[in-house]
Amino acid sequence: MGLVNLRNLAMLLALLVAAPVHAAAYADPQGSGVVVSAMGWLQGTLLGTLATTVAVIAIAAVGFMMLTGRMNWRHGAVVVIGCFILFGAASIVAGIRTAATGI
């Protein structure tokens, strides 16, 4: 039983070591420039000044509702954490990529 688990662990480690090498080969396939630029535009639109303004207003409204007792603190925390994840997604992904290449 222990040998089978050790073998599976060794295979998993081999895949994790080989994954960045294979991922680099498929990083930017031919003809994907239009799709990449469209996704960049979409990201810029969704995370631009309009989204920042809406997030600030949402957090202010939720904070006011929590202080006046109209909203549960857990639901308010979910809104705040959601905004952190939305605007910090690029940093989160960069950290995951750095950690994955460091293995």
PDB file of N, CA and C in Angstrom:
ATOM      1  N   MET A   1       0.816  -1.193   0.000  1.00  0.00           N
ATOM      2  CA  MET A   1       0.000   0.000   0.000  1.00  0.00           C
ATOM      3  C   MET A   1       0.859   1.256   0.000  1.00  0.00           C
ATOM      4  N   GLY A   2       1.915   1.280   0.819  1.00  0.00           N
ATOM      5  CA  GLY A   2       2.790   2.436   0.888  1.00  0.00           C
ATOM      6  C   GLY A   2       3.585   2.624  -0.391  1.00  0.00           C
ATOM      7  N   LEU A   3       3.947   1.527  -1.058  1.00  0.00           N
ATOM      8  CA  LEU A   3       4.702   1.605  -2.298  1.00  0.00           C
ATOM      9  C   LEU A   3       3.875   2.235  -3.399  1.00  0.00           C
ATOM     10  N   VAL A   4       2.594   1.918  -3.449  1.00  0.00           N
ATOM     11  CA  VAL A   4       1.719   2.493  -4.472  1.00  0.00           C
ATOM     12  C   VAL A   4       1.584   3.995  -4.252  1.00  0.00           C
ATOM     13  N   ASN A   5       1.422   4.423  -3.022  1.00  0.00           N
ATOM     14  CA  ASN A   5       1.320   5.857  -2.743  1.00  0.00           C
ATOM     15  C   ASN A   5       2.625   6.575  -3.052  1.00  0.00           C
ATOM     16  N   LEU A   6       3.748   5.940  -2.761  1.00  0.00           N
ATOM     17  CA  LEU A   6       5.042   6.524  -3.067  1.00  0.00           C
ATOM     18  C   LEU A   6       5.240   6.650  -4.574  1.00  0.00           C
ATOM     19  N   ARG A   7       4.794   5.668  -5.320  1.00  0.00           N
ATOM     20  CA  ARG A   7       4.902   5.704  -6.784  1.00  0.00           C
ATOM     21  C   ARG A   7       4.025   6.821  -7.342  1.00  0.00           C
ATOM     22  N   ASN A   8       2.802   6.966  -6.819  1.00  0.00           N
ATOM     23  CA  ASN A   8       1.921   8.046  -7.279  1.00  0.00           C
ATOM     24  C   ASN A   8       2.507   9.410  -6.959  1.00  0.00           C
ATOM     25  N   LEU A   9       3.125   9.530  -5.783  1.00  0.00           N
ATOM     26  CA  LEU A   9       3.749  10.788  -5.414  1.00  0.00           C
ATOM     27  C   LEU A   9       4.918  11.109  -6.343  1.00  0.00           C
ATOM     28  N   ALA A  10       5.708  10.109  -6.682  1.00  0.00           N
ATOM     29  CA  ALA A  10       6.830  10.321  -7.595  1.00  0.00           C
ATOM     30  C   ALA A  10       6.342  10.736  -8.981  1.00  0.00           C
ATOM     31  N   MET A  11       5.262  10.122  -9.448  1.00  0.00           N
ATOM     32  CA  MET A  11       4.714  10.495 -10.760  1.00  0.00           C
ATOM     33  C   MET A  11       4.170  11.922 -10.733  1.00  0.00           C
ATOM     34  N   LEU A  12       3.524  12.299  -9.629  1.00  0.00           N
ATOM     35  CA  LEU A  12       2.995  13.651  -9.508  1.00  0.00           C
ATOM     36  C   LEU A  12       4.115  14.679  -9.495  1.00  0.00           C
ATOM     37  N   LEU A  13       5.171  14.400  -8.768  1.00  0.00           N
ATOM     38  CA  LEU A  13       6.311  15.319  -8.748  1.00  0.00           C
ATOM     39  C   LEU A  13       6.969  15.435 -10.116  1.00  0.00           C
ATOM     40  N   ALA A  14       7.055  14.333 -10.846  1.00  0.00           N
ATOM     41  CA  ALA A  14       7.626  14.380 -12.196  1.00  0.00           C
ATOM     42  C   ALA A  14       6.765  15.235 -13.119  1.00  0.00           C
ATOM     43  N   LEU A  15       5.452  15.142 -12.992  1.00  0.00           N
ATOM     44  CA  LEU A  15       4.564  15.966 -13.808  1.00  0.00           C
ATOM     45  C   LEU A  15       4.690  17.439 -13.452  1.00  0.00           C
ATOM     46  N   LEU A  16       4.813  17.740 -12.163  1.00  0.00           N
ATOM     47  CA  LEU A  16       4.941  19.137 -11.751  1.00  0.00           C
ATOM     48  C   LEU A  16       6.251  19.755 -12.227  1.00  0.00           C
ATOM     49  N   VAL A  17       7.304  18.961 -12.268  1.00  0.00           N
ATOM     50  CA  VAL A  17       8.587  19.474 -12.752  1.00  0.00           C
ATOM     51  C   VAL A  17       8.545  19.690 -14.259  1.00  0.00           C
ATOM     52  N   ALA A  18       7.879  18.800 -14.981  1.00  0.00           N
ATOM     53  CA  ALA A  18       7.832  18.890 -16.439  1.00  0.00           C
ATOM     54  C   ALA A  18       6.787  19.885 -16.938  1.00  0.00           C
ATOM     55  N   ALA A  19       5.830  20.273 -16.107  1.00  0.00           N
ATOM     56  CA  ALA A  19       4.735  21.137 -16.547  1.00  0.00           C
ATOM     57  C   ALA A  19       5.205  22.496 -17.040  1.00  0.00           C
ATOM     58  N   PRO A  20       6.105  23.217 -16.354  1.00  0.00           N
ATOM     59  CA  PRO A  20       6.510  24.524 -16.885  1.00  0.00           C
ATOM     60  C   PRO A  20       7.213  24.438 -18.231  1.00  0.00           C
ATOM     61  N   VAL A  21       7.937  23.367 -18.489  1.00  0.00           N
ATOM     62  CA  VAL A  21       8.619  23.206 -19.765  1.00  0.00           C
ATOM     63  C   VAL A  21       7.605  23.073 -20.893  1.00  0.00           C
ATOM     64  N   HIS A  22       6.561  22.263 -20.664  1.00  0.00           N
ATOM     65  CA  HIS A  22       5.538  22.087 -21.683  1.00  0.00           C
ATOM     66  C   HIS A  22       4.634  23.300 -21.792  1.00  0.00           C
ATOM     67  N   ALA A  23       4.395  23.999 -20.691  1.00  0.00           N
ATOM     68  CA  ALA A  23       3.532  25.179 -20.723  1.00  0.00           C
ATOM     69  C   ALA A  23       4.168  26.295 -21.539  1.00  0.00           C
ATOM     70  N   ALA A  24       5.488  26.405 -21.524  1.00  0.00           N
ATOM     71  CA  ALA A  24       6.164  27.448 -22.289  1.00  0.00           C
ATOM     72  C   ALA A  24       5.993  27.229 -23.790  1.00  0.00           C
ATOM     73  N   ALA A  25       5.892  25.969 -24.221  1.00  0.00           N
ATOM     74  CA  ALA A  25       5.723  25.680 -25.637  1.00  0.00           C
ATOM     75  C   ALA A  25       4.351  26.109 -26.136  1.00  0.00           C
ATOM     76  N   TYR A  26       3.356  26.124 -25.256  1.00  0.00           N
ATOM     77  CA  TYR A  26       1.995  26.472 -25.650  1.00  0.00           C
ATOM     78  C   TYR A  26       1.568  27.829 -25.107  1.00  0.00           C
ATOM     79  N   ALA A  27       2.499  28.690 -24.802  1.00  0.00           N
ATOM     80  CA  ALA A  27       2.183  29.964 -24.161  1.00  0.00           C
ATOM     81  C   ALA A  27       1.362  30.875 -25.075  1.00  0.00           C
ATOM     82  N   ASP A  28       1.719  31.001 -26.334  1.00  0.00           N
ATOM     83  CA  ASP A  28       1.021  31.906 -27.241  1.00  0.00           C
ATOM     84  C   ASP A  28       0.867  31.231 -28.595  1.00  0.00           C
ATOM     85  N   PRO A  29      -0.212  30.475 -28.802  1.00  0.00           N
ATOM     86  CA  PRO A  29      -0.376  29.783 -30.076  1.00  0.00           C
ATOM     87  C   PRO A  29      -0.564  30.760 -31.228  1.00  0.00           C
ATOM     88  N   GLN A  30      -0.250  30.290 -32.402  1.00  0.00           N
ATOM     89  CA  GLN A  30      -0.339  31.127 -33.587  1.00  0.00           C
ATOM     90  C   GLN A  30      -1.788  31.527 -33.843  1.00  0.00           C
ATOM     91  N   GLY A  31      -2.012  32.792 -34.149  1.00  0.00           N
ATOM     92  CA  GLY A  31      -3.350  33.281 -34.453  1.00  0.00           C
ATOM     93  C   GLY A  31      -4.143  33.694 -33.232  1.00  0.00           C
ATOM     94  N   SER A  32      -3.536  33.693 -32.061  1.00  0.00           N
ATOM     95  CA  SER A  32      -4.285  34.039 -30.859  1.00  0.00           C
ATOM     96  C   SER A  32      -4.140  35.514 -30.496  1.00  0.00           C
ATOM     97  N   GLY A  33      -3.487  36.288 -31.323  1.00  0.00           N
ATOM     98  CA  GLY A  33      -3.285  37.701 -31.023  1.00  0.00           C
ATOM     99  C   GLY A  33      -4.582  38.465 -30.871  1.00  0.00           C
ATOM    100  N   VAL A  34      -5.575  38.139 -31.692  1.00  0.00           N
ATOM    101  CA  VAL A  34      -6.863  38.822 -31.619  1.00  0.00           C
ATOM    102  C   VAL A  34      -7.564  38.487 -30.313  1.00  0.00           C
ATOM    103  N   VAL A  35      -7.522  37.213 -29.934  1.00  0.00           N
ATOM    104  CA  VAL A  35      -8.177  36.784 -28.701  1.00  0.00           C
ATOM    105  C   VAL A  35      -7.487  37.402 -27.487  1.00  0.00           C
ATOM    106  N   VAL A  36      -6.158  37.423 -27.502  1.00  0.00           N
ATOM    107  CA  VAL A  36      -5.408  37.994 -26.386  1.00  0.00           C
ATOM    108  C   VAL A  36      -5.695  39.485 -26.262  1.00  0.00           C
ATOM    109  N   SER A  37      -5.747  40.194 -27.378  1.00  0.00           N
ATOM    110  CA  SER A  37      -6.031  41.630 -27.316  1.00  0.00           C
ATOM    111  C   SER A  37      -7.467  41.896 -26.876  1.00  0.00           C
ATOM    112  N   ALA A  38      -8.404  41.040 -27.293  1.00  0.00           N
ATOM    113  CA  ALA A  38      -9.793  41.194 -26.850  1.00  0.00           C
ATOM    114  C   ALA A  38      -9.915  40.961 -25.347  1.00  0.00           C
ATOM    115  N   MET A  39      -9.209  39.962 -24.838  1.00  0.00           N
ATOM    116  CA  MET A  39      -9.241  39.702 -23.399  1.00  0.00           C
ATOM    117  C   MET A  39      -8.568  40.838 -22.631  1.00  0.00           C
ATOM    118  N   GLY A  40      -7.528  41.417 -23.196  1.00  0.00           N
ATOM    119  CA  GLY A  40      -6.884  42.568 -22.565  1.00  0.00           C
ATOM    120  C   GLY A  40      -7.814  43.769 -22.496  1.00  0.00           C
ATOM    121  N   TRP A  41      -8.565  44.001 -23.588  1.00  0.00           N
ATOM    122  CA  TRP A  41      -9.542  45.089 -23.588  1.00  0.00           C
ATOM    123  C   TRP A  41     -10.625  44.842 -22.555  1.00  0.00           C
ATOM    124  N   LEU A  42     -11.122  43.592 -22.488  1.00  0.00           N
ATOM    125  CA  LEU A  42     -12.161  43.249 -21.526  1.00  0.00           C
ATOM    126  C   LEU A  42     -11.664  43.433 -20.095  1.00  0.00           C
ATOM    127  N   GLN A  43     -10.438  43.019 -19.826  1.00  0.00           N
ATOM    128  CA  GLN A  43      -9.861  43.183 -18.501  1.00  0.00           C
ATOM    129  C   GLN A  43      -9.710  44.666 -18.163  1.00  0.00           C
ATOM    130  N   GLY A  44      -9.242  45.450 -19.121  1.00  0.00           N
ATOM    131  CA  GLY A  44      -9.107  46.887 -18.888  1.00  0.00           C
ATOM    132  C   GLY A  44     -10.441  47.559 -18.621  1.00  0.00           C
ATOM    133  N   THR A  45     -11.478  47.101 -19.328  1.00  0.00           N
ATOM    134  CA  THR A  45     -12.806  47.666 -19.125  1.00  0.00           C
ATOM    135  C   THR A  45     -13.367  47.283 -17.766  1.00  0.00           C
ATOM    136  N   LEU A  46     -13.226  46.011 -17.417  1.00  0.00           N
ATOM    137  CA  LEU A  46     -13.807  45.532 -16.162  1.00  0.00           C
ATOM    138  C   LEU A  46     -13.037  46.001 -14.934  1.00  0.00           C
ATOM    139  N   LEU A  47     -11.761  46.293 -15.087  1.00  0.00           N
ATOM    140  CA  LEU A  47     -10.962  46.716 -13.940  1.00  0.00           C
ATOM    141  C   LEU A  47     -10.532  48.175 -14.033  1.00  0.00           C
ATOM    142  N   GLY A  48     -11.153  48.933 -14.916  1.00  0.00           N
ATOM    143  CA  GLY A  48     -10.786  50.337 -15.107  1.00  0.00           C
ATOM    144  C   GLY A  48     -11.419  51.245 -14.079  1.00  0.00           C
ATOM    145  N   THR A  49     -11.517  52.522 -14.438  1.00  0.00           N
ATOM    146  CA  THR A  49     -12.034  53.517 -13.498  1.00  0.00           C
ATOM    147  C   THR A  49     -13.502  53.302 -13.180  1.00  0.00           C
ATOM    148  N   LEU A  50     -14.277  52.822 -14.139  1.00  0.00           N
ATOM    149  CA  LEU A  50     -15.695  52.573 -13.875  1.00  0.00           C
ATOM    150  C   LEU A  50     -15.866  51.494 -12.810  1.00  0.00           C
ATOM    151  N   ALA A  51     -15.132  50.407 -12.942  1.00  0.00           N
ATOM    152  CA  ALA A  51     -15.235  49.329 -11.955  1.00  0.00           C
ATOM    153  C   ALA A  51     -14.711  49.778 -10.599  1.00  0.00           C
ATOM    154  N   THR A  52     -13.662  50.568 -10.585  1.00  0.00           N
ATOM    155  CA  THR A  52     -13.128  51.070  -9.321  1.00  0.00           C
ATOM    156  C   THR A  52     -14.143  51.974  -8.630  1.00  0.00           C
ATOM    157  N   THR A  53     -14.799  52.815  -9.398  1.00  0.00           N
ATOM    158  CA  THR A  53     -15.820  53.699  -8.838  1.00  0.00           C
ATOM    159  C   THR A  53     -16.983  52.910  -8.263  1.00  0.00           C
ATOM    160  N   VAL A  54     -17.437  51.911  -9.008  1.00  0.00           N
ATOM    161  CA  VAL A  54     -18.551  51.076  -8.533  1.00  0.00           C
ATOM    162  C   VAL A  54     -18.151  50.316  -7.273  1.00  0.00           C
ATOM    163  N   ALA A  55     -16.925  49.811  -7.219  1.00  0.00           N
ATOM    164  CA  ALA A  55     -16.471  49.079  -6.033  1.00  0.00           C
ATOM    165  C   ALA A  55     -16.389  49.990  -4.818  1.00  0.00           C
ATOM    166  N   VAL A  56     -15.917  51.212  -4.997  1.00  0.00           N
ATOM    167  CA  VAL A  56     -15.840  52.155  -3.877  1.00  0.00           C
ATOM    168  C   VAL A  56     -17.239  52.486  -3.364  1.00  0.00           C
ATOM    169  N   ILE A  57     -18.177  52.712  -4.272  1.00  0.00           N
ATOM    170  CA  ILE A  57     -19.547  53.013  -3.859  1.00  0.00           C
ATOM    171  C   ILE A  57     -20.173  51.802  -3.162  1.00  0.00           C
ATOM    172  N   ALA A  58     -19.917  50.602  -3.688  1.00  0.00           N
ATOM    173  CA  ALA A  58     -20.476  49.389  -3.077  1.00  0.00           C
ATOM    174  C   ALA A  58     -19.929  49.181  -1.666  1.00  0.00           C
ATOM    175  N   ILE A  59     -18.632  49.355  -1.495  1.00  0.00           N
ATOM    176  CA  ILE A  59     -18.048  49.167  -0.169  1.00  0.00           C
ATOM    177  C   ILE A  59     -18.542  50.241   0.795  1.00  0.00           C
ATOM    178  N   ALA A  60     -18.704  51.466   0.320  1.00  0.00           N
ATOM    179  CA  ALA A  60     -19.223  52.524   1.181  1.00  0.00           C
ATOM    180  C   ALA A  60     -20.671  52.228   1.589  1.00  0.00           C
ATOM    181  N   ALA A  61     -21.481  51.794   0.650  1.00  0.00           N
ATOM    182  CA  ALA A  61     -22.884  51.480   0.955  1.00  0.00           C
ATOM    183  C   ALA A  61     -22.991  50.299   1.906  1.00  0.00           C
ATOM    184  N   VAL A  62     -22.205  49.265   1.650  1.00  0.00           N
ATOM    185  CA  VAL A  62     -22.229  48.087   2.520  1.00  0.00           C
ATOM    186  C   VAL A  62     -21.727  48.450   3.914  1.00  0.00           C
ATOM    187  N   GLY A  63     -20.682  49.262   3.994  1.00  0.00           N
ATOM    188  CA  GLY A  63     -20.178  49.695   5.296  1.00  0.00           C
ATOM    189  C   GLY A  63     -21.205  50.497   6.064  1.00  0.00           C
ATOM    190  N   PHE A  64     -21.916  51.380   5.386  1.00  0.00           N
ATOM    191  CA  PHE A  64     -22.961  52.154   6.047  1.00  0.00           C
ATOM    192  C   PHE A  64     -24.091  51.249   6.518  1.00  0.00           C
ATOM    193  N   MET A  65     -24.481  50.275   5.679  1.00  0.00           N
ATOM    194  CA  MET A  65     -25.554  49.354   6.062  1.00  0.00           C
ATOM    195  C   MET A  65     -25.134  48.476   7.241  1.00  0.00           C
ATOM    196  N   MET A  66     -23.864  48.082   7.290  1.00  0.00           N
ATOM    197  CA  MET A  66     -23.393  47.263   8.410  1.00  0.00           C
ATOM    198  C   MET A  66     -23.368  48.088   9.697  1.00  0.00           C
ATOM    199  N   LEU A  67     -22.958  49.350   9.614  1.00  0.00           N
ATOM    200  CA  LEU A  67     -22.903  50.191  10.808  1.00  0.00           C
ATOM    201  C   LEU A  67     -24.278  50.527  11.355  1.00  0.00           C
ATOM    202  N   THR A  68     -25.270  50.620  10.482  1.00  0.00           N
ATOM    203  CA  THR A  68     -26.627  50.924  10.941  1.00  0.00           C
ATOM    204  C   THR A  68     -27.416  49.677  11.291  1.00  0.00           C
ATOM    205  N   GLY A  69     -26.832  48.509  11.123  1.00  0.00           N
ATOM    206  CA  GLY A  69     -27.498  47.269  11.511  1.00  0.00           C
ATOM    207  C   GLY A  69     -28.456  46.712  10.482  1.00  0.00           C
ATOM    208  N   ARG A  70     -28.386  47.184   9.274  1.00  0.00           N
ATOM    209  CA  ARG A  70     -29.285  46.693   8.220  1.00  0.00           C
ATOM    210  C   ARG A  70     -28.722  45.504   7.460  1.00  0.00           C
ATOM    211  N   MET A  71     -27.430  45.218   7.641  1.00  0.00           N
ATOM    212  CA  MET A  71     -26.815  44.105   6.921  1.00  0.00           C
ATOM    213  C   MET A  71     -25.978  43.287   7.893  1.00  0.00           C
ATOM    214  N   ASN A  72     -26.005  41.983   7.665  1.00  0.00           N
ATOM    215  CA  ASN A  72     -25.212  41.059   8.459  1.00  0.00           C
ATOM    216  C   ASN A  72     -23.725  41.322   8.178  1.00  0.00           C
ATOM    217  N   TRP A  73     -22.896  41.237   9.207  1.00  0.00           N
ATOM    218  CA  TRP A  73     -21.470  41.488   9.065  1.00  0.00           C
ATOM    219  C   TRP A  73     -20.812  40.486   8.130  1.00  0.00           C
ATOM    220  N   ARG A  74     -21.296  39.253   8.125  1.00  0.00           N
ATOM    221  CA  ARG A  74     -20.703  38.235   7.237  1.00  0.00           C
ATOM    222  C   ARG A  74     -20.945  38.572   5.774  1.00  0.00           C
ATOM    223  N   HIS A  75     -22.142  39.037   5.444  1.00  0.00           N
ATOM    224  CA  HIS A  75     -22.433  39.398   4.052  1.00  0.00           C
ATOM    225  C   HIS A  75     -21.605  40.614   3.630  1.00  0.00           C
ATOM    226  N   GLY A  76     -21.422  41.543   4.537  1.00  0.00           N
ATOM    227  CA  GLY A  76     -20.577  42.699   4.240  1.00  0.00           C
ATOM    228  C   GLY A  76     -19.130  42.306   4.019  1.00  0.00           C
ATOM    229  N   ALA A  77     -18.647  41.368   4.822  1.00  0.00           N
ATOM    230  CA  ALA A  77     -17.268  40.896   4.652  1.00  0.00           C
ATOM    231  C   ALA A  77     -17.097  40.187   3.316  1.00  0.00           C
ATOM    232  N   VAL A  78     -18.122  39.476   2.872  1.00  0.00           N
ATOM    233  CA  VAL A  78     -18.056  38.799   1.574  1.00  0.00           C
ATOM    234  C   VAL A  78     -17.912  39.820   0.445  1.00  0.00           C
ATOM    235  N   VAL A  79     -18.612  40.930   0.533  1.00  0.00           N
ATOM    236  CA  VAL A  79     -18.510  41.973  -0.493  1.00  0.00           C
ATOM    237  C   VAL A  79     -17.093  42.558  -0.516  1.00  0.00           C
ATOM    238  N   VAL A  80     -16.552  42.846   0.649  1.00  0.00           N
ATOM    239  CA  VAL A  80     -15.210  43.434   0.725  1.00  0.00           C
ATOM    240  C   VAL A  80     -14.162  42.447   0.219  1.00  0.00           C
ATOM    241  N   ILE A  81     -14.251  41.193   0.644  1.00  0.00           N
ATOM    242  CA  ILE A  81     -13.295  40.177   0.187  1.00  0.00           C
ATOM    243  C   ILE A  81     -13.429  39.948  -1.313  1.00  0.00           C
ATOM    244  N   GLY A  82     -14.657  39.979  -1.835  1.00  0.00           N
ATOM    245  CA  GLY A  82     -14.868  39.837  -3.272  1.00  0.00           C
ATOM    246  C   GLY A  82     -14.197  40.943  -4.062  1.00  0.00           C
ATOM    247  N   CYS A  83     -14.246  42.162  -3.556  1.00  0.00           N
ATOM    248  CA  CYS A  83     -13.568  43.279  -4.231  1.00  0.00           C
ATOM    249  C   CYS A  83     -12.053  43.107  -4.185  1.00  0.00           C
ATOM    250  N   PHE A  84     -11.538  42.646  -3.051  1.00  0.00           N
ATOM    251  CA  PHE A  84     -10.097  42.391  -2.975  1.00  0.00           C
ATOM    252  C   PHE A  84      -9.681  41.323  -3.979  1.00  0.00           C
ATOM    253  N   ILE A  85     -10.449  40.269  -4.097  1.00  0.00           N
ATOM    254  CA  ILE A  85     -10.108  39.195  -5.038  1.00  0.00           C
ATOM    255  C   ILE A  85     -10.227  39.687  -6.474  1.00  0.00           C
ATOM    256  N   LEU A  86     -11.271  40.451  -6.776  1.00  0.00           N
ATOM    257  CA  LEU A  86     -11.466  40.953  -8.136  1.00  0.00           C
ATOM    258  C   LEU A  86     -10.317  41.848  -8.579  1.00  0.00           C
ATOM    259  N   PHE A  87      -9.943  42.804  -7.744  1.00  0.00           N
ATOM    260  CA  PHE A  87      -8.891  43.731  -8.132  1.00  0.00           C
ATOM    261  C   PHE A  87      -7.495  43.181  -7.899  1.00  0.00           C
ATOM    262  N   GLY A  88      -7.357  42.148  -7.085  1.00  0.00           N
ATOM    263  CA  GLY A  88      -6.057  41.553  -6.843  1.00  0.00           C
ATOM    264  C   GLY A  88      -5.804  40.288  -7.631  1.00  0.00           C
ATOM    265  N   ALA A  89      -6.694  39.965  -8.573  1.00  0.00           N
ATOM    266  CA  ALA A  89      -6.575  38.713  -9.327  1.00  0.00           C
ATOM    267  C   ALA A  89      -5.259  38.628 -10.093  1.00  0.00           C
ATOM    268  N   ALA A  90      -4.821  39.708 -10.686  1.00  0.00           N
ATOM    269  CA  ALA A  90      -3.569  39.677 -11.449  1.00  0.00           C
ATOM    270  C   ALA A  90      -2.387  39.370 -10.535  1.00  0.00           C
ATOM    271  N   SER A  91      -2.370  39.968  -9.356  1.00  0.00           N
ATOM    272  CA  SER A  91      -1.277  39.694  -8.412  1.00  0.00           C
ATOM    273  C   SER A  91      -1.349  38.270  -7.882  1.00  0.00           C
ATOM    274  N   ILE A  92      -2.569  37.777  -7.655  1.00  0.00           N
ATOM    275  CA  ILE A  92      -2.735  36.406  -7.169  1.00  0.00           C
ATOM    276  C   ILE A  92      -2.225  35.412  -8.208  1.00  0.00           C
ATOM    277  N   VAL A  93      -2.594  35.613  -9.461  1.00  0.00           N
ATOM    278  CA  VAL A  93      -2.141  34.714 -10.529  1.00  0.00           C
ATOM    279  C   VAL A  93      -0.633  34.798 -10.706  1.00  0.00           C
ATOM    280  N   ALA A  94      -0.075  36.001 -10.630  1.00  0.00           N
ATOM    281  CA  ALA A  94       1.383  36.146 -10.748  1.00  0.00           C
ATOM    282  C   ALA A  94       2.096  35.408  -9.620  1.00  0.00           C
ATOM    283  N   GLY A  95       1.549  35.471  -8.421  1.00  0.00           N
ATOM    284  CA  GLY A  95       2.142  34.745  -7.300  1.00  0.00           C
ATOM    285  C   GLY A  95       2.064  33.245  -7.476  1.00  0.00           C
ATOM    286  N   ILE A  96       0.936  32.768  -7.990  1.00  0.00           N
ATOM    287  CA  ILE A  96       0.784  31.331  -8.243  1.00  0.00           C
ATOM    288  C   ILE A  96       1.758  30.872  -9.325  1.00  0.00           C
ATOM    289  N   ARG A  97       1.900  31.684 -10.383  1.00  0.00           N
ATOM    290  CA  ARG A  97       2.846  31.322 -11.452  1.00  0.00           C
ATOM    291  C   ARG A  97       4.277  31.306 -10.944  1.00  0.00           C
ATOM    292  N   THR A  98       4.624  32.266 -10.111  1.00  0.00           N
ATOM    293  CA  THR A  98       5.979  32.299  -9.550  1.00  0.00           C
ATOM    294  C   THR A  98       6.229  31.077  -8.667  1.00  0.00           C
ATOM    295  N   ALA A  99       5.231  30.730  -7.866  1.00  0.00           N
ATOM    296  CA  ALA A  99       5.366  29.562  -7.000  1.00  0.00           C
ATOM    297  C   ALA A  99       5.441  28.279  -7.821  1.00  0.00           C
ATOM    298  N   ALA A 100       4.698  28.225  -8.926  1.00  0.00           N
ATOM    299  CA  ALA A 100       4.699  27.007  -9.752  1.00  0.00           C
ATOM    300  C   ALA A 100       6.021  26.838 -10.494  1.00  0.00           C
ATOM    301  N   THR A 101       6.631  27.913 -10.923  1.00  0.00           N
ATOM    302  CA  THR A 101       7.910  27.791 -11.623  1.00  0.00           C
ATOM    303  C   THR A 101       9.054  27.555 -10.657  1.00  0.00           C
ATOM    304  N   GLY A 102       8.875  27.843  -9.385  1.00  0.00           N
ATOM    305  CA  GLY A 102       9.915  27.651  -8.400  1.00  0.00           C
ATOM    306  C   GLY A 102      10.022  26.222  -7.912  1.00  0.00           C
ATOM    307  N   ILE A 103       9.089  25.356  -8.315  1.00  0.00           N
ATOM    308  CA  ILE A 103       9.104  23.955  -7.837  1.00  0.00           C
ATOM    309  C   ILE A 103      10.194  23.180  -8.502  1.00  0.00           C
TER     310      ILE A 103
END
